N, C-alpha and C. Protein backbone atom coordinates (compact mmCIF):
# COMPACT_ATOMS: atom_id res chain seq x y z
N ILE A 1 123.98 103.01 102.56
CA ILE A 1 123.35 103.94 101.65
C ILE A 1 122.11 103.32 101.03
N ALA A 2 122.18 102.03 100.68
CA ALA A 2 121.03 101.36 100.07
C ALA A 2 119.85 101.32 101.03
N TRP A 3 120.10 101.00 102.29
CA TRP A 3 119.03 100.95 103.29
C TRP A 3 118.39 102.32 103.45
N LYS A 4 119.20 103.35 103.57
CA LYS A 4 118.67 104.71 103.72
C LYS A 4 117.84 105.12 102.51
N THR A 5 118.30 104.75 101.33
CA THR A 5 117.57 105.07 100.10
C THR A 5 116.22 104.36 100.08
N ALA A 6 116.20 103.10 100.48
CA ALA A 6 114.95 102.33 100.51
C ALA A 6 113.96 102.95 101.49
N VAL A 7 114.42 103.30 102.67
CA VAL A 7 113.53 103.91 103.67
C VAL A 7 113.04 105.27 103.17
N TRP A 8 113.93 106.05 102.58
CA TRP A 8 113.52 107.35 102.05
C TRP A 8 112.42 107.17 101.00
N PHE A 9 112.60 106.24 100.06
CA PHE A 9 111.60 106.01 99.02
C PHE A 9 110.28 105.57 99.65
N TRP A 10 110.33 104.62 100.59
CA TRP A 10 109.13 104.10 101.26
C TRP A 10 108.35 105.22 101.92
N MET A 11 109.05 106.16 102.53
CA MET A 11 108.40 107.21 103.31
C MET A 11 108.01 108.44 102.48
N THR A 12 108.68 108.70 101.36
CA THR A 12 108.46 109.98 100.69
C THR A 12 107.98 109.91 99.25
N SER A 13 108.21 108.81 98.55
CA SER A 13 107.90 108.78 97.12
C SER A 13 106.55 108.15 96.84
N SER A 14 105.78 108.80 95.99
CA SER A 14 104.51 108.22 95.57
C SER A 14 104.64 107.50 94.23
N GLY A 15 105.78 107.63 93.58
CA GLY A 15 106.03 106.93 92.31
C GLY A 15 104.86 107.09 91.36
N ALA A 16 104.34 105.94 90.87
CA ALA A 16 103.21 105.96 89.95
C ALA A 16 101.88 106.09 90.67
N GLY A 17 101.90 106.07 91.99
CA GLY A 17 100.66 106.15 92.77
C GLY A 17 100.37 107.57 93.23
N TRP A 18 99.42 107.68 94.12
CA TRP A 18 99.04 108.99 94.64
C TRP A 18 99.39 109.14 96.11
N GLN A 19 99.92 108.06 96.71
CA GLN A 19 100.35 108.12 98.11
C GLN A 19 101.62 107.31 98.26
N THR A 20 102.34 107.54 99.36
CA THR A 20 103.55 106.77 99.59
C THR A 20 103.19 105.34 99.98
N ALA A 21 104.14 104.44 99.82
CA ALA A 21 103.92 103.05 100.24
C ALA A 21 103.64 102.98 101.74
N HIS A 22 104.31 103.81 102.52
CA HIS A 22 104.09 103.85 103.96
C HIS A 22 102.64 104.23 104.27
N SER A 23 102.13 105.25 103.61
CA SER A 23 100.75 105.66 103.82
C SER A 23 99.78 104.57 103.39
N ALA A 24 100.07 103.90 102.30
CA ALA A 24 99.19 102.85 101.79
C ALA A 24 99.09 101.68 102.76
N ILE A 25 100.20 101.22 103.28
CA ILE A 25 100.18 100.05 104.16
C ILE A 25 99.59 100.39 105.53
N ASN A 26 99.72 101.64 105.94
CA ASN A 26 99.19 102.05 107.24
C ASN A 26 97.75 102.51 107.19
N GLY A 27 97.17 102.57 106.01
CA GLY A 27 95.76 102.88 105.89
C GLY A 27 95.40 104.33 105.97
N TYR A 28 96.31 105.22 105.60
CA TYR A 28 96.00 106.64 105.58
C TYR A 28 95.33 106.97 104.26
N GLY A 29 94.03 106.85 104.19
CA GLY A 29 93.33 107.19 102.97
C GLY A 29 92.71 105.98 102.30
N ALA A 30 92.04 106.22 101.21
CA ALA A 30 91.37 105.15 100.47
C ALA A 30 92.38 104.25 99.79
N GLY A 31 91.98 103.02 99.48
CA GLY A 31 92.85 102.10 98.79
C GLY A 31 93.97 101.55 99.63
N LYS A 32 93.76 101.48 100.92
CA LYS A 32 94.83 101.06 101.82
C LYS A 32 95.10 99.56 101.69
N GLY A 33 96.23 99.15 102.19
CA GLY A 33 96.58 97.74 102.22
C GLY A 33 97.82 97.43 101.42
N PHE A 34 98.24 96.17 101.49
CA PHE A 34 99.47 95.76 100.82
C PHE A 34 99.44 96.04 99.33
N GLY A 35 98.33 95.79 98.68
CA GLY A 35 98.24 96.00 97.24
C GLY A 35 98.58 97.40 96.81
N GLU A 36 98.23 98.37 97.61
CA GLU A 36 98.53 99.76 97.25
C GLU A 36 99.99 100.11 97.45
N THR A 37 100.76 99.27 98.15
CA THR A 37 102.20 99.53 98.25
C THR A 37 102.88 99.22 96.92
N ILE A 38 102.26 98.38 96.09
CA ILE A 38 102.83 98.05 94.79
C ILE A 38 102.79 99.26 93.86
N ARG A 39 101.72 100.03 93.96
CA ARG A 39 101.51 101.15 93.03
C ARG A 39 102.66 102.17 93.06
N PRO A 40 103.10 102.69 94.22
CA PRO A 40 104.20 103.64 94.18
C PRO A 40 105.54 102.99 93.82
N ILE A 41 105.69 101.71 94.07
CA ILE A 41 106.97 101.04 93.79
C ILE A 41 107.10 100.70 92.31
N ASN A 42 106.09 100.04 91.74
CA ASN A 42 106.19 99.57 90.36
C ASN A 42 104.84 99.61 89.65
N GLY A 43 103.96 100.48 90.10
CA GLY A 43 102.59 100.49 89.61
C GLY A 43 102.41 100.74 88.14
N SER A 44 103.25 101.59 87.56
CA SER A 44 103.08 101.88 86.14
C SER A 44 103.36 100.66 85.28
N ILE A 45 104.11 99.70 85.80
CA ILE A 45 104.43 98.48 85.07
C ILE A 45 103.50 97.33 85.46
N GLU A 46 103.17 97.22 86.75
CA GLU A 46 102.47 96.04 87.25
C GLU A 46 100.97 96.22 87.48
N CYS A 47 100.53 97.40 87.85
CA CYS A 47 99.12 97.58 88.17
C CYS A 47 98.29 97.77 86.90
N GLY A 48 97.01 97.51 87.01
CA GLY A 48 96.13 97.66 85.86
C GLY A 48 96.25 96.51 84.87
N GLY A 49 96.74 95.36 85.33
CA GLY A 49 96.83 94.19 84.47
C GLY A 49 98.08 94.12 83.61
N GLY A 50 99.02 95.04 83.82
CA GLY A 50 100.21 95.07 82.99
C GLY A 50 101.13 93.87 83.14
N ASN A 51 101.25 93.35 84.35
CA ASN A 51 102.12 92.22 84.60
C ASN A 51 101.56 91.42 85.77
N PRO A 52 100.48 90.67 85.55
CA PRO A 52 99.82 89.96 86.65
C PRO A 52 100.72 88.95 87.35
N GLY A 53 101.68 88.36 86.64
CA GLY A 53 102.59 87.41 87.26
C GLY A 53 103.46 88.05 88.33
N ALA A 54 103.94 89.26 88.04
CA ALA A 54 104.77 89.98 89.01
C ALA A 54 103.96 90.37 90.23
N VAL A 55 102.73 90.83 90.01
CA VAL A 55 101.86 91.20 91.13
C VAL A 55 101.57 89.98 92.00
N GLN A 56 101.25 88.86 91.36
CA GLN A 56 100.96 87.64 92.12
C GLN A 56 102.19 87.17 92.90
N SER A 57 103.35 87.33 92.33
CA SER A 57 104.59 86.96 93.02
C SER A 57 104.78 87.81 94.27
N ARG A 58 104.52 89.11 94.18
CA ARG A 58 104.61 89.99 95.35
C ARG A 58 103.59 89.57 96.42
N ILE A 59 102.38 89.27 95.98
CA ILE A 59 101.33 88.85 96.92
C ILE A 59 101.72 87.54 97.60
N ASP A 60 102.24 86.59 96.84
CA ASP A 60 102.66 85.31 97.41
C ASP A 60 103.76 85.49 98.46
N ARG A 61 104.73 86.35 98.15
CA ARG A 61 105.81 86.62 99.13
C ARG A 61 105.26 87.31 100.37
N HIS A 62 104.34 88.25 100.18
CA HIS A 62 103.71 88.93 101.31
C HIS A 62 103.01 87.91 102.22
N ARG A 63 102.25 87.01 101.63
CA ARG A 63 101.56 85.98 102.40
C ARG A 63 102.54 85.09 103.15
N ARG A 64 103.63 84.70 102.46
CA ARG A 64 104.63 83.84 103.09
C ARG A 64 105.24 84.52 104.32
N PHE A 65 105.61 85.79 104.20
CA PHE A 65 106.19 86.51 105.34
C PHE A 65 105.17 86.71 106.45
N CYS A 66 103.92 87.00 106.09
CA CYS A 66 102.87 87.14 107.12
C CYS A 66 102.68 85.83 107.86
N ASP A 67 102.69 84.70 107.14
CA ASP A 67 102.57 83.40 107.78
C ASP A 67 103.73 83.15 108.74
N MET A 68 104.94 83.50 108.32
CA MET A 68 106.11 83.31 109.19
C MET A 68 106.02 84.16 110.45
N LEU A 69 105.45 85.34 110.32
CA LEU A 69 105.33 86.25 111.47
C LEU A 69 104.05 86.04 112.26
N GLY A 70 103.13 85.24 111.73
CA GLY A 70 101.87 84.98 112.41
C GLY A 70 100.93 86.16 112.44
N VAL A 71 100.93 86.95 111.36
CA VAL A 71 100.06 88.12 111.29
C VAL A 71 99.11 87.99 110.11
N SER A 72 98.07 88.77 110.13
CA SER A 72 97.06 88.77 109.06
C SER A 72 97.61 89.34 107.77
N TYR A 73 97.11 88.84 106.65
CA TYR A 73 97.49 89.37 105.34
C TYR A 73 96.97 90.78 105.14
N GLY A 74 95.86 91.09 105.77
CA GLY A 74 95.21 92.38 105.56
C GLY A 74 94.31 92.32 104.34
N ASP A 75 93.67 93.42 104.06
CA ASP A 75 92.78 93.53 102.92
C ASP A 75 93.53 94.10 101.73
N ASN A 76 92.89 94.04 100.57
CA ASN A 76 93.40 94.70 99.37
C ASN A 76 94.82 94.25 99.04
N LEU A 77 94.98 92.99 98.68
CA LEU A 77 96.32 92.46 98.39
C LEU A 77 96.83 92.80 97.01
N GLY A 78 95.97 93.10 96.07
CA GLY A 78 96.40 93.44 94.71
C GLY A 78 96.19 94.90 94.40
N CYS A 79 96.92 95.38 93.40
CA CYS A 79 96.78 96.79 93.05
C CYS A 79 95.79 96.97 91.91
């Protein structure tokens, strides 16, 4: 149930943002990239300078996983 809920949120919820996290990471529209995935998930708390430590922690983990997978970080890492 938890996995299905996570996928549903990723694909359908815009949360505090204007697009879903799936749309943001896949580049459908302006503001694409990893940083824009933060906005629908926790943007009202973390984006706009509200909690820079949390945002940096997400960015650091993103970079670590990209390094492990041998893929590019992409553009726009912060929200």
